[in-house]
């Protein structure tokens, strides 16, 4: 009898221990390098490893539908402050734009849906980038602030954090591949408890991107590409060979003339060296902030000597703007790299996409 009782107790204890185990699993992230999501039955852990340039810090956040401590963030988020226009299209795709209550420099917002909410007073102006109005943010009482910083932790965001409002840094802009940036929709999927929807949206974007890339590879010709422009003191800034932009050009099956250069940022080269290599380039993509060829010549008359200038093969994404002047490309392109890639294919090999109309780029007049 004693043995039988001990046997029952042993089974009971084993069952209790088994039920207490929280099996952790990583959410499948394919391209992103800046965050991980680890889930278990009770909560999710969000690990941000690269929130701003040269950051050595790793930030961990615990999010749960039923928080057991004040250090856990309540899900789903219903009132959110975001700080970069790149956050807005992802939130809109998840049908959560009504949750946005604050944004800095709201005139940069191009999206018609979110602009209507700004104009209706539902989204408050919270200051400027790196100079946020903490008083306004605190009065909004958001569930979460999604921060953005270039090089160091934002001081105003640190004040908000100390007040008890959770702050999570978003480093989508530091991803090195187009699909890596787009996959940050999984980040917002977690916040709004819509991970399956976020995954489905991303897979659709990924498939469209890979199909466009496959289509581009069918063309045996690789048009030569020049990018960037002289910004100051006769120094030409253009994408390095391992940069985000260079990746787009490679996936569009284009011969970017500095594809073999090292670096993931920008190159700073003399005008003479760029002219020598690129004067006969077939296309000039994204020539800085210039809005017309006339404006380009006012800055530097030697631009007229490039073949792409002579042949009207200069395309820019800065001409298509929202209602208040925000450039649509800067807001939407990180979320829709498939459309950027199709633009590049349409510009350089239009026969491959006969019925497609440019989304972001426009021929410079």
Foldseek 3Di string as FASTA:
>chain_A
DVVVVVVVVVVVVVVVVVVPDWDKDWDDDDQADQWTWIDTDFWIKIWGCDLAPPDRDIDIAIEGCDDPDLRYQHPQWQAEEEEFLQVQVLCVLVVRLLNYQEYAPVLQHFDPVNVVCVVVNRYDHQYHQLDGNLVVVVVSVGSEYEDHDHHDDRPSVVVNVVVSRYYHRDRLVPRFELLNSQLCSCVNCRNHVNNVSSVVLSVVLVVLQLVLLVLLVVDPDAFEEAEEEDDDDQWTKDAALSEHVVNLSVSSRHHYPRNVGDDHGIDTHGNVVCCVRQLAGQAYEAHDQDQAVVSVCVVPVCVCSRPNNVVQRYKHQLPDGHPSRHRVCSNCCSNRVSLVSVLVNCSPPVVSPVPDDRDGMDRHD
